Protein backbone atom coordinates (compact mmCIF):
# COMPACT_ATOMS: atom_id res chain seq x y z
CA MET A 1 84.97 84.14 83.32
CA ALA A 2 85.67 86.42 86.33
CA VAL A 3 83.29 86.31 89.29
CA ALA A 4 82.57 89.39 91.39
CA LEU A 5 80.69 89.32 94.77
CA VAL A 6 79.07 92.61 95.70
CA THR A 7 77.42 93.32 99.11
CA GLY A 8 74.71 95.87 99.53
CA ALA A 9 73.86 95.23 95.89
CA SER A 10 70.08 95.77 95.93
CA SER A 11 70.41 99.60 95.29
CA GLY A 12 72.63 102.62 95.11
CA LEU A 13 76.39 102.20 94.75
CA GLY A 14 76.18 98.42 95.17
CA ALA A 15 73.80 98.00 92.26
CA GLU A 16 75.94 100.31 90.15
CA PHE A 17 79.06 98.30 90.91
CA ALA A 18 77.21 95.22 89.88
CA ARG A 19 76.06 96.73 86.61
CA GLN A 20 79.40 98.08 85.69
CA LEU A 21 81.28 94.83 86.62
CA ALA A 22 78.75 92.79 84.60
CA ALA A 23 79.30 95.26 81.65
CA ARG A 24 82.97 94.23 81.84
CA GLY A 25 81.97 90.62 81.57
CA ALA A 26 82.03 89.47 85.18
CA ASP A 27 79.55 86.94 86.50
CA LEU A 28 78.01 88.12 89.76
CA VAL A 29 77.01 87.05 93.19
CA LEU A 30 74.75 89.78 94.63
CA VAL A 31 74.29 90.02 98.36
CA ALA A 32 71.82 92.07 100.48
CA ARG A 33 69.03 91.63 102.93
CA ASP A 34 66.19 92.21 100.52
CA GLY A 35 66.00 89.14 98.21
CA ALA A 36 63.15 90.55 96.07
CA ALA A 37 65.06 93.77 95.42
CA LEU A 38 68.21 91.79 94.57
CA GLU A 39 66.29 89.71 92.10
CA ARG A 40 65.03 92.88 90.38
CA VAL A 41 68.62 94.05 89.97
CA ALA A 42 69.63 90.62 88.84
CA VAL A 43 66.86 90.47 86.09
CA ASP A 44 67.94 93.87 84.77
CA ILE A 45 71.59 92.95 84.64
CA ARG A 46 71.00 89.64 82.98
CA ALA A 47 68.93 91.39 80.33
CA ARG A 48 71.65 94.08 79.76
CA SER A 49 74.77 91.99 79.91
CA GLY A 50 73.93 88.36 79.57
CA VAL A 51 76.13 87.34 82.44
CA ASP A 52 75.34 84.76 85.13
CA VAL A 53 73.93 86.50 88.19
CA HIS A 54 73.35 84.57 91.49
CA VAL A 55 71.31 86.17 94.22
CA LEU A 56 72.30 85.52 97.89
CA ALA A 57 69.88 87.14 100.25
CA ALA A 58 71.79 87.62 103.53
CA ASP A 59 71.73 89.94 106.48
CA LEU A 60 75.41 90.35 107.21
CA LEU A 61 74.57 91.13 110.95
CA ASP A 62 73.17 87.58 111.29
CA ASP A 63 75.98 85.14 112.10
CA GLY A 64 74.55 82.32 110.02
CA ALA A 65 73.95 84.51 107.00
CA LEU A 66 77.40 86.04 107.25
CA ALA A 67 78.92 82.59 107.44
CA ALA A 68 77.16 81.58 104.21
CA VAL A 69 78.71 84.53 102.43
CA GLU A 70 82.13 83.77 103.85
CA LYS A 71 81.78 80.20 102.57
CA ARG A 72 80.94 81.46 99.05
CA LEU A 73 84.02 83.77 99.14
CA ALA A 74 86.27 80.93 100.39
CA ALA A 75 85.27 78.90 97.35
CA GLY A 76 86.85 81.68 95.22
CA VAL A 77 85.91 84.91 93.58
CA ASP A 78 87.96 87.36 91.50
CA VAL A 79 86.48 90.54 92.90
CA LEU A 80 84.97 91.36 96.23
CA VAL A 81 83.08 94.70 96.68
CA ASN A 82 82.45 95.49 100.30
CA ASN A 83 79.59 98.03 99.94
CA ALA A 84 76.92 97.08 102.54
CA GLY A 85 76.32 99.84 105.13
CA PHE A 86 73.96 102.49 106.53
CA GLY A 87 74.31 105.91 108.10
CA LEU A 88 73.35 107.30 111.49
CA ASP A 89 72.50 110.64 112.96
CA LEU A 90 75.60 112.64 113.92
CA ALA A 91 74.11 113.21 117.46
CA PHE A 92 76.00 110.20 118.91
CA GLU A 93 74.71 110.82 122.39
CA GLU A 94 71.11 110.56 121.27
CA ASN A 95 71.54 107.40 119.20
CA ASP A 96 70.52 103.98 120.52
CA VAL A 97 73.83 102.36 121.46
CA ALA A 98 72.55 99.01 120.14
CA VAL A 99 72.12 100.57 116.75
CA GLU A 100 75.62 102.08 117.01
CA VAL A 101 76.93 98.63 117.71
CA ARG A 102 75.19 97.19 114.65
CA HIS A 103 76.59 100.07 112.59
CA LEU A 104 80.16 99.24 113.83
CA ARG A 105 79.74 95.48 113.20
CA LEU A 106 78.46 95.95 109.68
CA HIS A 107 81.04 98.41 108.54
CA VAL A 108 83.99 96.96 110.29
CA GLU A 109 83.51 93.47 111.53
CA ALA A 110 81.57 92.12 108.56
CA ALA A 111 83.85 93.81 106.10
CA MET A 112 86.91 92.44 107.76
CA ARG A 113 85.47 88.89 107.94
CA LEU A 114 84.60 88.90 104.28
CA MET A 115 88.06 90.06 103.29
CA HIS A 116 89.56 87.38 105.54
CA ALA A 117 87.38 84.72 103.81
CA ALA A 118 88.22 85.93 100.23
CA LEU A 119 91.96 86.44 100.57
CA PRO A 120 93.26 82.83 100.83
CA ALA A 121 91.87 81.72 97.48
CA MET A 122 92.94 84.95 95.84
CA LEU A 123 96.51 84.67 97.21
CA GLU A 124 96.73 80.94 96.21
CA ARG A 125 95.66 81.91 92.65
CA GLY A 126 97.96 85.00 92.66
CA SER A 127 95.27 87.35 91.55
CA GLY A 128 92.24 89.24 92.96
CA ARG A 129 90.75 92.57 93.69
CA ILE A 130 89.04 93.83 96.81
CA VAL A 131 87.14 97.16 96.74
CA ASN A 132 86.02 98.55 100.04
CA VAL A 133 83.44 101.38 99.70
CA ALA A 134 84.48 103.91 102.34
CA SER A 135 83.82 107.70 102.21
CA VAL A 136 85.50 111.01 102.38
CA ALA A 137 84.01 111.07 105.85
CA GLY A 138 86.72 108.62 106.78
CA PHE A 139 89.40 111.39 106.44
CA VAL A 140 87.63 113.85 108.73
CA PRO A 141 86.13 113.80 112.25
CA ARG A 142 82.51 112.96 111.51
CA GLY A 143 80.83 110.89 114.19
CA THR A 144 80.98 107.12 114.20
CA TYR A 145 80.31 106.92 110.41
CA GLY A 146 83.59 108.75 109.75
CA ALA A 147 85.25 106.47 112.29
CA VAL A 148 84.22 103.22 110.71
CA LYS A 149 85.07 104.46 107.23
CA GLY A 150 88.40 105.61 108.54
CA TRP A 151 89.08 101.96 109.65
CA LEU A 152 88.33 100.75 106.08
CA ILE A 153 90.61 103.39 104.58
CA SER A 154 93.49 102.55 106.95
CA PHE A 155 93.19 98.77 106.55
CA SER A 156 92.89 99.06 102.72
CA ARG A 157 96.14 101.11 102.61
CA TRP A 158 97.99 98.50 104.72
CA ALA A 159 96.50 95.53 102.88
CA ASN A 160 97.31 96.87 99.45
CA VAL A 161 100.97 97.32 100.37
CA VAL A 162 101.17 93.83 101.77
CA TYR A 163 99.12 91.88 99.27
CA ARG A 164 99.70 93.71 95.95
CA PRO A 165 103.10 92.08 95.43
CA ARG A 166 101.30 88.78 95.69
CA GLY A 167 98.70 89.73 93.00
CA VAL A 168 95.83 90.93 95.18
CA THR A 169 95.02 94.65 95.29
CA VAL A 170 92.85 96.34 97.98
CA THR A 171 91.31 99.76 97.27
CA ALA A 172 89.19 101.99 99.46
CA VAL A 173 86.81 103.99 97.26
CA CYS A 174 85.94 107.24 99.05
CA PRO A 175 83.03 109.13 97.55
CA GLY A 176 81.38 112.28 98.93
CA PHE A 177 77.63 112.85 98.73
CA VAL A 178 76.20 110.55 96.01
CA HIS A 179 72.70 110.52 94.53
CA THR A 180 71.44 107.19 95.86
CA SER A 181 68.72 106.10 98.36
CA PHE A 182 71.23 106.39 101.22
CA HIS A 183 69.78 109.69 102.63
CA GLU A 184 66.18 108.57 102.13
CA ARG A 185 66.87 105.63 104.42
CA LEU A 186 67.89 108.26 107.00
CA GLY A 187 64.52 109.82 106.65
CA LEU A 188 65.70 112.71 104.39
CA PRO A 189 63.69 113.14 101.21
CA PRO A 190 65.45 114.53 98.14
CA GLY A 191 66.27 118.23 98.66
CA HIS A 192 66.33 118.01 102.44
CA GLU A 193 69.77 116.59 102.96
CA GLY A 194 71.45 119.96 103.61
CA VAL A 195 74.02 119.41 100.81
CA PRO A 196 74.98 122.11 98.40
CA ALA A 197 73.93 121.21 94.80
CA GLY A 198 77.52 121.43 93.53
CA MET A 199 78.75 118.73 95.97
CA TRP A 200 76.54 115.86 94.71
CA LEU A 201 78.03 113.04 92.70
CA ASP A 202 76.50 110.56 90.35
CA ALA A 203 76.78 106.94 91.19
CA ASP A 204 77.92 105.84 87.74
CA LYS A 205 80.85 108.34 87.89
CA VAL A 206 81.84 107.29 91.38
CA VAL A 207 81.92 103.59 90.42
CA ARG A 208 83.63 104.17 87.09
CA GLU A 209 86.47 106.16 88.74
CA GLY A 210 86.65 103.70 91.64
CA LEU A 211 86.97 100.68 89.41
CA ARG A 212 89.56 102.53 87.32
CA ASP A 213 91.62 103.23 90.32
CA ALA A 214 91.24 99.74 91.62
CA ALA A 215 92.51 98.38 88.27
CA ARG A 216 95.57 100.63 88.63
CA GLY A 217 96.22 99.08 91.99
CA ARG A 218 95.71 102.25 94.00
CA SER A 219 95.15 101.92 97.76
CA VAL A 220 92.70 104.86 97.90
CA SER A 221 90.37 106.34 95.35
CA VAL A 222 88.63 109.73 95.91
CA PRO A 223 86.29 110.22 92.89
CA SER A 224 85.94 113.92 91.93
CA TRP A 225 88.72 116.58 92.13
CA ARG A 226 86.41 118.61 94.38
CA TYR A 227 86.46 116.08 97.14
CA ALA A 228 90.17 115.29 96.62
CA ALA A 229 90.88 118.99 97.16
CA LEU A 230 88.70 119.05 100.31
CA VAL A 231 90.46 115.98 101.74
CA ALA A 232 93.83 117.59 101.11
CA ALA A 233 92.71 120.89 102.70
CA SER A 234 91.29 119.14 105.72
CA ARG A 235 94.71 117.92 106.71
CA LEU A 236 95.97 121.47 107.12
CA LEU A 237 93.11 122.85 109.18
CA PRO A 238 92.37 122.65 112.94
CA ASP A 239 89.98 119.88 114.03
CA ALA A 240 87.35 122.43 115.16
CA VAL A 241 87.23 123.96 111.69
CA VAL A 242 87.00 120.56 110.00
CA VAL A 243 84.30 119.27 112.32
CA ARG A 244 82.16 122.37 111.70
CA ALA A 245 82.61 122.02 107.99
CA ALA A 246 81.97 118.28 107.97
CA SER A 247 78.78 118.71 109.97
CA ARG A 248 76.96 120.14 106.93
CA GLY A 249 74.68 117.68 105.28
CA ARG A 250 73.81 114.23 106.47
């Protein structure tokens, strides 16, 4: 039985990745800060899919908690989904720099350390799959959120080329705006995100397309032709135009 470890699994895309992986028969290790919320997700998945679900409550910004997750990965998993993250206001100069550092550490350092922990066992076995949840923001200039997601995309592209011949694929899944609790955690209730209705994506579609592209061994997955077209267009436009367009919504 395959085992998948999913971070940020208490809600949103993380919980959806867990549900869809369980539906494919994978046992799960669910990681997030909120143990009670994780257990609710676990109970639902056990009832739906009958797979084994282990809950590992851990704040990935705490060194001891991160080390515990690294230890579990080093013991061997078949799939790692790096999904944990949070957003910040685009007004970089007004943000608390300590919060910016936490943002950087979670999206880059924690994700990098978890990949580093998972890879040896995957490479020794000759199989494995790593899914890094990035964003279309990683392709455009969009504050520090775009910058950290850009790191994930770049590293995933490199790692997939290097490790795919050895049986391990690495895919950056890059959605646009998704209906989850992400924006509510930024203090934006539904309808106040500044996002045109036609640009919203559903979590189940994002995860389904992301897992499909990961299974195909792709380095990058951009769910939805709308966002794929926007990413392609952004490469042809001046930075000033792209920054103005990317500043819409939160």
